[in-house]
Amino acid sequence: MRLLPHQVPDVPETRLWRDALRWLVMVMDEDDPDLPYIAVLLQRALIDGGLSPDQGKEANETLLRVYAAWCAGTLECWRPDLADMDTEGQA
């Protein structure tokens, strides 16, 4: 499932891994090869209260890459696909 542009959340203002990883899972492209690992890291951050230094390094690399794509507007969630939109019912 992909978010529509009006549903895309802002970058979190906190410096907590659980917030950054939650944001990543919401905005990453569905076919991003790092998405499953980021989802696992989110689970670890929620259970353990944070990430290990190695996990943090790997998560930060993905965070910087996805943040750059978010700023550039090149993530799938920034591209409306009118063919996928429900044009009947509420506007």
PDB file of N, CA and C in Angstrom:
ATOM      1  N   MET A   1       0.840  -1.172   0.000  1.00  0.00           N
ATOM      2  CA  MET A   1       0.000   0.000   0.000  1.00  0.00           C
ATOM      3  C   MET A   1       0.886   1.236   0.000  1.00  0.00           C
ATOM      4  N   ARG A   2       0.510   2.198  -0.789  1.00  0.00           N
ATOM      5  CA  ARG A   2       1.291   3.417  -0.937  1.00  0.00           C
ATOM      6  C   ARG A   2       0.477   4.593  -0.437  1.00  0.00           C
ATOM      7  N   LEU A   3       1.149   5.499   0.269  1.00  0.00           N
ATOM      8  CA  LEU A   3       0.487   6.725   0.711  1.00  0.00           C
ATOM      9  C   LEU A   3       0.295   7.661  -0.466  1.00  0.00           C
ATOM     10  N   LEU A   4      -0.754   8.435  -0.414  1.00  0.00           N
ATOM     11  CA  LEU A   4      -0.961   9.496  -1.396  1.00  0.00           C
ATOM     12  C   LEU A   4      -0.212  10.729  -0.909  1.00  0.00           C
ATOM     13  N   PRO A   5       0.119  11.648  -1.816  1.00  0.00           N
ATOM     14  CA  PRO A   5       0.916  12.808  -1.415  1.00  0.00           C
ATOM     15  C   PRO A   5       0.369  13.570  -0.203  1.00  0.00           C
ATOM     16  N   HIS A   6      -0.941  13.687  -0.072  1.00  0.00           N
ATOM     17  CA  HIS A   6      -1.489  14.428   1.063  1.00  0.00           C
ATOM     18  C   HIS A   6      -1.393  13.645   2.378  1.00  0.00           C
ATOM     19  N   GLN A   7      -1.045  12.362   2.299  1.00  0.00           N
ATOM     20  CA  GLN A   7      -0.918  11.525   3.491  1.00  0.00           C
ATOM     21  C   GLN A   7       0.529  11.398   3.975  1.00  0.00           C
ATOM     22  N   VAL A   8       1.466  11.901   3.213  1.00  0.00           N
ATOM     23  CA  VAL A   8       2.883  11.732   3.529  1.00  0.00           C
ATOM     24  C   VAL A   8       3.232  12.521   4.790  1.00  0.00           C
ATOM     25  N   PRO A   9       3.758  11.830   5.813  1.00  0.00           N
ATOM     26  CA  PRO A   9       4.091  12.530   7.045  1.00  0.00           C
ATOM     27  C   PRO A   9       5.374  13.341   6.918  1.00  0.00           C
ATOM     28  N   ASP A  10       5.463  14.380   7.712  1.00  0.00           N
ATOM     29  CA  ASP A  10       6.697  15.153   7.780  1.00  0.00           C
ATOM     30  C   ASP A  10       7.775  14.325   8.461  1.00  0.00           C
ATOM     31  N   VAL A  11       9.003  14.731   8.257  1.00  0.00           N
ATOM     32  CA  VAL A  11      10.131  14.093   8.930  1.00  0.00           C
ATOM     33  C   VAL A  11       9.963  14.325  10.436  1.00  0.00           C
ATOM     34  N   PRO A  12      10.190  13.302  11.246  1.00  0.00           N
ATOM     35  CA  PRO A  12      10.004  13.491  12.684  1.00  0.00           C
ATOM     36  C   PRO A  12      10.971  14.530  13.254  1.00  0.00           C
ATOM     37  N   GLU A  13      10.484  15.248  14.237  1.00  0.00           N
ATOM     38  CA  GLU A  13      11.309  16.272  14.871  1.00  0.00           C
ATOM     39  C   GLU A  13      12.167  15.708  15.988  1.00  0.00           C
ATOM     40  N   THR A  14      11.851  14.506  16.448  1.00  0.00           N
ATOM     41  CA  THR A  14      12.647  13.904  17.521  1.00  0.00           C
ATOM     42  C   THR A  14      13.879  13.232  16.939  1.00  0.00           C
ATOM     43  N   ARG A  15      14.786  12.866  17.798  1.00  0.00           N
ATOM     44  CA  ARG A  15      15.980  12.136  17.389  1.00  0.00           C
ATOM     45  C   ARG A  15      15.922  10.688  17.880  1.00  0.00           C
ATOM     46  N   LEU A  16      14.709  10.184  18.090  1.00  0.00           N
ATOM     47  CA  LEU A  16      14.528   8.816  18.555  1.00  0.00           C
ATOM     48  C   LEU A  16      14.463   7.865  17.366  1.00  0.00           C
ATOM     49  N   TRP A  17      15.148   6.734  17.488  1.00  0.00           N
ATOM     50  CA  TRP A  17      15.141   5.772  16.394  1.00  0.00           C
ATOM     51  C   TRP A  17      13.737   5.282  16.085  1.00  0.00           C
ATOM     52  N   ARG A  18      12.926   5.065  17.107  1.00  0.00           N
ATOM     53  CA  ARG A  18      11.588   4.529  16.839  1.00  0.00           C
ATOM     54  C   ARG A  18      10.780   5.488  15.962  1.00  0.00           C
ATOM     55  N   ASP A  19      10.975   6.787  16.125  1.00  0.00           N
ATOM     56  CA  ASP A  19      10.254   7.752  15.299  1.00  0.00           C
ATOM     57  C   ASP A  19      10.822   7.801  13.882  1.00  0.00           C
ATOM     58  N   ALA A  20      12.140   7.796  13.762  1.00  0.00           N
ATOM     59  CA  ALA A  20      12.779   7.830  12.441  1.00  0.00           C
ATOM     60  C   ALA A  20      12.455   6.565  11.649  1.00  0.00           C
ATOM     61  N   LEU A  21      12.499   5.425  12.305  1.00  0.00           N
ATOM     62  CA  LEU A  21      12.225   4.163  11.615  1.00  0.00           C
ATOM     63  C   LEU A  21      10.755   4.047  11.234  1.00  0.00           C
ATOM     64  N   ARG A  22       9.878   4.522  12.075  1.00  0.00           N
ATOM     65  CA  ARG A  22       8.445   4.530  11.756  1.00  0.00           C
ATOM     66  C   ARG A  22       8.211   5.381  10.504  1.00  0.00           C
ATOM     67  N   TRP A  23       8.846   6.552  10.451  1.00  0.00           N
ATOM     68  CA  TRP A  23       8.731   7.434   9.295  1.00  0.00           C
ATOM     69  C   TRP A  23       9.257   6.732   8.047  1.00  0.00           C
ATOM     70  N   LEU A  24      10.419   6.086   8.172  1.00  0.00           N
ATOM     71  CA  LEU A  24      10.993   5.391   7.021  1.00  0.00           C
ATOM     72  C   LEU A  24      10.035   4.340   6.465  1.00  0.00           C
ATOM     73  N   VAL A  25       9.473   3.523   7.349  1.00  0.00           N
ATOM     74  CA  VAL A  25       8.560   2.469   6.900  1.00  0.00           C
ATOM     75  C   VAL A  25       7.359   3.074   6.170  1.00  0.00           C
ATOM     76  N   MET A  26       6.909   4.236   6.609  1.00  0.00           N
ATOM     77  CA  MET A  26       5.743   4.857   5.971  1.00  0.00           C
ATOM     78  C   MET A  26       6.054   5.441   4.596  1.00  0.00           C
ATOM     79  N   VAL A  27       7.255   5.959   4.395  1.00  0.00           N
ATOM     80  CA  VAL A  27       7.522   6.678   3.144  1.00  0.00           C
ATOM     81  C   VAL A  27       8.387   5.922   2.146  1.00  0.00           C
ATOM     82  N   MET A  28       9.043   4.851   2.564  1.00  0.00           N
ATOM     83  CA  MET A  28       9.920   4.127   1.634  1.00  0.00           C
ATOM     84  C   MET A  28       9.107   3.518   0.496  1.00  0.00           C
ATOM     85  N   ASP A  29       9.726   3.442  -0.674  1.00  0.00           N
ATOM     86  CA  ASP A  29       9.096   2.773  -1.805  1.00  0.00           C
ATOM     87  C   ASP A  29       8.882   1.301  -1.460  1.00  0.00           C
ATOM     88  N   GLU A  30       7.774   0.745  -1.937  1.00  0.00           N
ATOM     89  CA  GLU A  30       7.444  -0.647  -1.622  1.00  0.00           C
ATOM     90  C   GLU A  30       8.507  -1.631  -2.097  1.00  0.00           C
ATOM     91  N   ASP A  31       9.196  -1.305  -3.174  1.00  0.00           N
ATOM     92  CA  ASP A  31      10.205  -2.224  -3.706  1.00  0.00           C
ATOM     93  C   ASP A  31      11.619  -1.898  -3.227  1.00  0.00           C
ATOM     94  N   ASP A  32      11.745  -1.008  -2.258  1.00  0.00           N
ATOM     95  CA  ASP A  32      13.063  -0.674  -1.710  1.00  0.00           C
ATOM     96  C   ASP A  32      13.618  -1.923  -1.030  1.00  0.00           C
ATOM     97  N   PRO A  33      14.805  -2.376  -1.423  1.00  0.00           N
ATOM     98  CA  PRO A  33      15.343  -3.615  -0.846  1.00  0.00           C
ATOM     99  C   PRO A  33      15.646  -3.512   0.656  1.00  0.00           C
ATOM    100  N   ASP A  34      15.771  -2.312   1.182  1.00  0.00           N
ATOM    101  CA  ASP A  34      16.052  -2.140   2.608  1.00  0.00           C
ATOM    102  C   ASP A  34      14.792  -2.107   3.477  1.00  0.00           C
ATOM    103  N   LEU A  35      13.618  -2.060   2.861  1.00  0.00           N
ATOM    104  CA  LEU A  35      12.380  -1.942   3.639  1.00  0.00           C
ATOM    105  C   LEU A  35      12.191  -3.078   4.653  1.00  0.00           C
ATOM    106  N   PRO A  36      12.372  -4.349   4.281  1.00  0.00           N
ATOM    107  CA  PRO A  36      12.189  -5.406   5.286  1.00  0.00           C
ATOM    108  C   PRO A  36      13.145  -5.260   6.477  1.00  0.00           C
ATOM    109  N   TYR A  37      14.378  -4.891   6.216  1.00  0.00           N
ATOM    110  CA  TYR A  37      15.351  -4.737   7.302  1.00  0.00           C
ATOM    111  C   TYR A  37      14.990  -3.550   8.190  1.00  0.00           C
ATOM    112  N   ILE A  38      14.546  -2.468   7.594  1.00  0.00           N
ATOM    113  CA  ILE A  38      14.138  -1.294   8.379  1.00  0.00           C
ATOM    114  C   ILE A  38      12.936  -1.659   9.254  1.00  0.00           C
ATOM    115  N   ALA A  39      12.026  -2.475   8.739  1.00  0.00           N
ATOM    116  CA  ALA A  39      10.881  -2.915   9.538  1.00  0.00           C
ATOM    117  C   ALA A  39      11.347  -3.755  10.731  1.00  0.00           C
ATOM    118  N   VAL A  40      12.338  -4.605  10.522  1.00  0.00           N
ATOM    119  CA  VAL A  40      12.899  -5.394  11.624  1.00  0.00           C
ATOM    120  C   VAL A  40      13.577  -4.476  12.637  1.00  0.00           C
ATOM    121  N   LEU A  41      14.300  -3.478  12.151  1.00  0.00           N
ATOM    122  CA  LEU A  41      14.946  -2.533  13.067  1.00  0.00           C
ATOM    123  C   LEU A  41      13.915  -1.745  13.869  1.00  0.00           C
ATOM    124  N   LEU A  42      12.794  -1.406  13.242  1.00  0.00           N
ATOM    125  CA  LEU A  42      11.732  -0.726  13.975  1.00  0.00           C
ATOM    126  C   LEU A  42      11.231  -1.624  15.106  1.00  0.00           C
ATOM    127  N   GLN A  43      11.028  -2.874  14.817  1.00  0.00           N
ATOM    128  CA  GLN A  43      10.597  -3.807  15.856  1.00  0.00           C
ATOM    129  C   GLN A  43      11.628  -3.858  16.984  1.00  0.00           C
ATOM    130  N   ARG A  44      12.902  -3.953  16.650  1.00  0.00           N
ATOM    131  CA  ARG A  44      13.949  -4.009  17.670  1.00  0.00           C
ATOM    132  C   ARG A  44      13.972  -2.723  18.495  1.00  0.00           C
ATOM    133  N   ALA A  45      13.833  -1.587  17.837  1.00  0.00           N
ATOM    134  CA  ALA A  45      13.854  -0.307  18.553  1.00  0.00           C
ATOM    135  C   ALA A  45      12.686  -0.198  19.516  1.00  0.00           C
ATOM    136  N   LEU A  46      11.528  -0.714  19.117  1.00  0.00           N
ATOM    137  CA  LEU A  46      10.358  -0.665  19.992  1.00  0.00           C
ATOM    138  C   LEU A  46      10.499  -1.623  21.172  1.00  0.00           C
ATOM    139  N   ILE A  47      11.065  -2.784  20.929  1.00  0.00           N
ATOM    140  CA  ILE A  47      11.231  -3.776  21.995  1.00  0.00           C
ATOM    141  C   ILE A  47      12.388  -3.403  22.924  1.00  0.00           C
ATOM    142  N   ASP A  48      13.521  -3.023  22.334  1.00  0.00           N
ATOM    143  CA  ASP A  48      14.746  -2.784  23.109  1.00  0.00           C
ATOM    144  C   ASP A  48      14.929  -1.333  23.533  1.00  0.00           C
ATOM    145  N   GLY A  49      14.109  -0.441  23.010  1.00  0.00           N
ATOM    146  CA  GLY A  49      14.244   0.969  23.356  1.00  0.00           C
ATOM    147  C   GLY A  49      15.315   1.706  22.564  1.00  0.00           C
ATOM    148  N   GLY A  50      15.845   1.086  21.534  1.00  0.00           N
ATOM    149  CA  GLY A  50      16.868   1.728  20.701  1.00  0.00           C
ATOM    150  C   GLY A  50      17.532   0.703  19.809  1.00  0.00           C
ATOM    151  N   LEU A  51      18.630   1.101  19.197  1.00  0.00           N
ATOM    152  CA  LEU A  51      19.385   0.229  18.303  1.00  0.00           C
ATOM    153  C   LEU A  51      20.809   0.075  18.808  1.00  0.00           C
ATOM    154  N   SER A  52      21.454  -1.012  18.405  1.00  0.00           N
ATOM    155  CA  SER A  52      22.878  -1.186  18.693  1.00  0.00           C
ATOM    156  C   SER A  52      23.653  -0.207  17.815  1.00  0.00           C
ATOM    157  N   PRO A  53      24.920   0.050  18.128  1.00  0.00           N
ATOM    158  CA  PRO A  53      25.710   0.948  17.270  1.00  0.00           C
ATOM    159  C   PRO A  53      25.763   0.485  15.805  1.00  0.00           C
ATOM    160  N   ASP A  54      25.907  -0.816  15.578  1.00  0.00           N
ATOM    161  CA  ASP A  54      25.946  -1.323  14.194  1.00  0.00           C
ATOM    162  C   ASP A  54      24.593  -1.140  13.499  1.00  0.00           C
ATOM    163  N   GLN A  55      23.522  -1.438  14.210  1.00  0.00           N
ATOM    164  CA  GLN A  55      22.190  -1.244  13.638  1.00  0.00           C
ATOM    165  C   GLN A  55      21.949   0.232  13.352  1.00  0.00           C
ATOM    166  N   GLY A  56      22.372   1.093  14.250  1.00  0.00           N
ATOM    167  CA  GLY A  56      22.211   2.529  14.062  1.00  0.00           C
ATOM    168  C   GLY A  56      22.948   3.024  12.832  1.00  0.00           C
ATOM    169  N   LYS A  57      24.149   2.507  12.618  1.00  0.00           N
ATOM    170  CA  LYS A  57      24.936   2.904  11.437  1.00  0.00           C
ATOM    171  C   LYS A  57      24.215   2.503  10.155  1.00  0.00           C
ATOM    172  N   GLU A  58      23.714   1.272  10.117  1.00  0.00           N
ATOM    173  CA  GLU A  58      23.011   0.796   8.923  1.00  0.00           C
ATOM    174  C   GLU A  58      21.707   1.566   8.710  1.00  0.00           C
ATOM    175  N   ALA A  59      20.981   1.801   9.794  1.00  0.00           N
ATOM    176  CA  ALA A  59      19.722   2.544   9.683  1.00  0.00           C
ATOM    177  C   ALA A  59      19.982   3.971   9.227  1.00  0.00           C
ATOM    178  N   ASN A  60      21.054   4.576   9.713  1.00  0.00           N
ATOM    179  CA  ASN A  60      21.372   5.954   9.336  1.00  0.00           C
ATOM    180  C   ASN A  60      21.684   6.069   7.847  1.00  0.00           C
ATOM    181  N   GLU A  61      22.360   5.081   7.289  1.00  0.00           N
ATOM    182  CA  GLU A  61      22.663   5.097   5.851  1.00  0.00           C
ATOM    183  C   GLU A  61      21.358   5.097   5.038  1.00  0.00           C
ATOM    184  N   THR A  62      20.426   4.249   5.439  1.00  0.00           N
ATOM    185  CA  THR A  62      19.135   4.201   4.747  1.00  0.00           C
ATOM    186  C   THR A  62      18.356   5.487   4.988  1.00  0.00           C
ATOM    187  N   LEU A  63      18.382   5.985   6.209  1.00  0.00           N
ATOM    188  CA  LEU A  63      17.683   7.221   6.536  1.00  0.00           C
ATOM    189  C   LEU A  63      18.174   8.382   5.679  1.00  0.00           C
ATOM    190  N   LEU A  64      19.480   8.516   5.528  1.00  0.00           N
ATOM    191  CA  LEU A  64      20.027   9.606   4.713  1.00  0.00           C
ATOM    192  C   LEU A  64      19.630   9.466   3.249  1.00  0.00           C
ATOM    193  N   ARG A  65      19.646   8.227   2.743  1.00  0.00           N
ATOM    194  CA  ARG A  65      19.278   7.989   1.336  1.00  0.00           C
ATOM    195  C   ARG A  65      17.801   8.306   1.103  1.00  0.00           C
ATOM    196  N   VAL A  66      16.939   7.815   1.985  1.00  0.00           N
ATOM    197  CA  VAL A  66      15.506   8.029   1.810  1.00  0.00           C
ATOM    198  C   VAL A  66      15.153   9.495   2.058  1.00  0.00           C
ATOM    199  N   TYR A  67      15.809  10.121   3.014  1.00  0.00           N
ATOM    200  CA  TYR A  67      15.556  11.539   3.279  1.00  0.00           C
ATOM    201  C   TYR A  67      15.911  12.385   2.057  1.00  0.00           C
ATOM    202  N   ALA A  68      17.011  12.060   1.398  1.00  0.00           N
ATOM    203  CA  ALA A  68      17.401  12.786   0.183  1.00  0.00           C
ATOM    204  C   ALA A  68      16.344  12.610  -0.906  1.00  0.00           C
ATOM    205  N   ALA A  69      15.830  11.399  -1.056  1.00  0.00           N
ATOM    206  CA  ALA A  69      14.775  11.148  -2.051  1.00  0.00           C
ATOM    207  C   ALA A  69      13.487  11.859  -1.655  1.00  0.00           C
ATOM    208  N   TRP A  70      13.192  11.909  -0.353  1.00  0.00           N
ATOM    209  CA  TRP A  70      12.001  12.609   0.136  1.00  0.00           C
ATOM    210  C   TRP A  70      12.107  14.094  -0.194  1.00  0.00           C
ATOM    211  N   CYS A  71      13.277  14.684   0.072  1.00  0.00           N
ATOM    212  CA  CYS A  71      13.488  16.111  -0.227  1.00  0.00           C
ATOM    213  C   CYS A  71      13.398  16.396  -1.719  1.00  0.00           C
ATOM    214  N   ALA A  72      13.869  15.454  -2.523  1.00  0.00           N
ATOM    215  CA  ALA A  72      13.849  15.625  -3.979  1.00  0.00           C
ATOM    216  C   ALA A  72      12.467  15.335  -4.572  1.00  0.00           C
ATOM    217  N   GLY A  73      11.584  14.757  -3.774  1.00  0.00           N
ATOM    218  CA  GLY A  73      10.242  14.434  -4.264  1.00  0.00           C
ATOM    219  C   GLY A  73      10.214  13.241  -5.195  1.00  0.00           C
ATOM    220  N   THR A  74      11.191  12.335  -5.057  1.00  0.00           N
ATOM    221  CA  THR A  74      11.267  11.197  -5.972  1.00  0.00           C
ATOM    222  C   THR A  74      10.734   9.895  -5.391  1.00  0.00           C
ATOM    223  N   LEU A  75      10.259   9.916  -4.151  1.00  0.00           N
ATOM    224  CA  LEU A  75       9.667   8.707  -3.583  1.00  0.00           C
ATOM    225  C   LEU A  75       8.291   8.463  -4.209  1.00  0.00           C
ATOM    226  N   GLU A  76       7.889   7.197  -4.263  1.00  0.00           N
ATOM    227  CA  GLU A  76       6.586   6.853  -4.838  1.00  0.00           C
ATOM    228  C   GLU A  76       5.445   7.604  -4.166  1.00  0.00           C
ATOM    229  N   CYS A  77       5.570   7.831  -2.863  1.00  0.00           N
ATOM    230  CA  CYS A  77       4.477   8.484  -2.146  1.00  0.00           C
ATOM    231  C   CYS A  77       4.284   9.937  -2.577  1.00  0.00           C
ATOM    232  N   TRP A  78       5.252  10.514  -3.251  1.00  0.00           N
ATOM    233  CA  TRP A  78       5.103  11.887  -3.752  1.00  0.00           C
ATOM    234  C   TRP A  78       4.481  11.925  -5.139  1.00  0.00           C
ATOM    235  N   ARG A  79       4.388  10.756  -5.803  1.00  0.00           N
ATOM    236  CA  ARG A  79       3.889  10.721  -7.175  1.00  0.00           C
ATOM    237  C   ARG A  79       2.458  10.213  -7.205  1.00  0.00           C
ATOM    238  N   PRO A  80       1.518  11.093  -7.403  1.00  0.00           N
ATOM    239  CA  PRO A  80       0.135  10.614  -7.480  1.00  0.00           C
ATOM    240  C   PRO A  80      -0.071   9.800  -8.753  1.00  0.00           C
ATOM    241  N   ASP A  81      -0.733   8.704  -8.615  1.00  0.00           N
ATOM    242  CA  ASP A  81      -1.071   7.867  -9.759  1.00  0.00           C
ATOM    243  C   ASP A  81      -2.589   7.888  -9.885  1.00  0.00           C
ATOM    244  N   LEU A  82      -3.073   8.693 -10.796  1.00  0.00           N
ATOM    245  CA  LEU A  82      -4.513   8.875 -10.924  1.00  0.00           C
ATOM    246  C   LEU A  82      -5.237   7.585 -11.257  1.00  0.00           C
ATOM    247  N   ALA A  83      -4.556   6.636 -11.835  1.00  0.00           N
ATOM    248  CA  ALA A  83      -5.196   5.359 -12.163  1.00  0.00           C
ATOM    249  C   ALA A  83      -5.536   4.584 -10.898  1.00  0.00           C
ATOM    250  N   ASP A  84      -4.802   4.826  -9.804  1.00  0.00           N
ATOM    251  CA  ASP A  84      -5.051   4.116  -8.550  1.00  0.00           C
ATOM    252  C   ASP A  84      -6.073   4.823  -7.670  1.00  0.00           C
ATOM    253  N   MET A  85      -6.457   6.035  -8.016  1.00  0.00           N
ATOM    254  CA  MET A  85      -7.338   6.807  -7.155  1.00  0.00           C
ATOM    255  C   MET A  85      -8.797   6.443  -7.395  1.00  0.00           C
ATOM    256  N   ASP A  86      -9.558   6.414  -6.323  1.00  0.00           N
ATOM    257  CA  ASP A  86     -10.991   6.191  -6.412  1.00  0.00           C
ATOM    258  C   ASP A  86     -11.639   7.511  -6.796  1.00  0.00           C
ATOM    259  N   THR A  87     -12.168   7.584  -7.989  1.00  0.00           N
ATOM    260  CA  THR A  87     -12.727   8.839  -8.468  1.00  0.00           C
ATOM    261  C   THR A  87     -14.206   8.961  -8.184  1.00  0.00           C
ATOM    262  N   GLU A  88     -14.792   7.938  -7.581  1.00  0.00           N
ATOM    263  CA  GLU A  88     -16.209   8.002  -7.225  1.00  0.00           C
ATOM    264  C   GLU A  88     -16.341   8.166  -5.715  1.00  0.00           C
ATOM    265  N   GLY A  89     -17.462   8.714  -5.303  1.00  0.00           N
ATOM    266  CA  GLY A  89     -17.678   8.897  -3.883  1.00  0.00           C
ATOM    267  C   GLY A  89     -17.196  10.259  -3.431  1.00  0.00           C
ATOM    268  N   GLN A  90     -16.651  10.292  -2.225  1.00  0.00           N
ATOM    269  CA  GLN A  90     -16.231  11.568  -1.654  1.00  0.00           C
ATOM    270  C   GLN A  90     -14.994  12.124  -2.341  1.00  0.00           C
ATOM    271  N   ALA A  91     -14.948  13.424  -2.423  1.00  0.00           N
ATOM    272  CA  ALA A  91     -13.799  14.074  -3.036  1.00  0.00           C
ATOM    273  C   ALA A  91     -12.811  14.486  -1.974  1.00  0.00           C
TER     274      ALA A  91
END
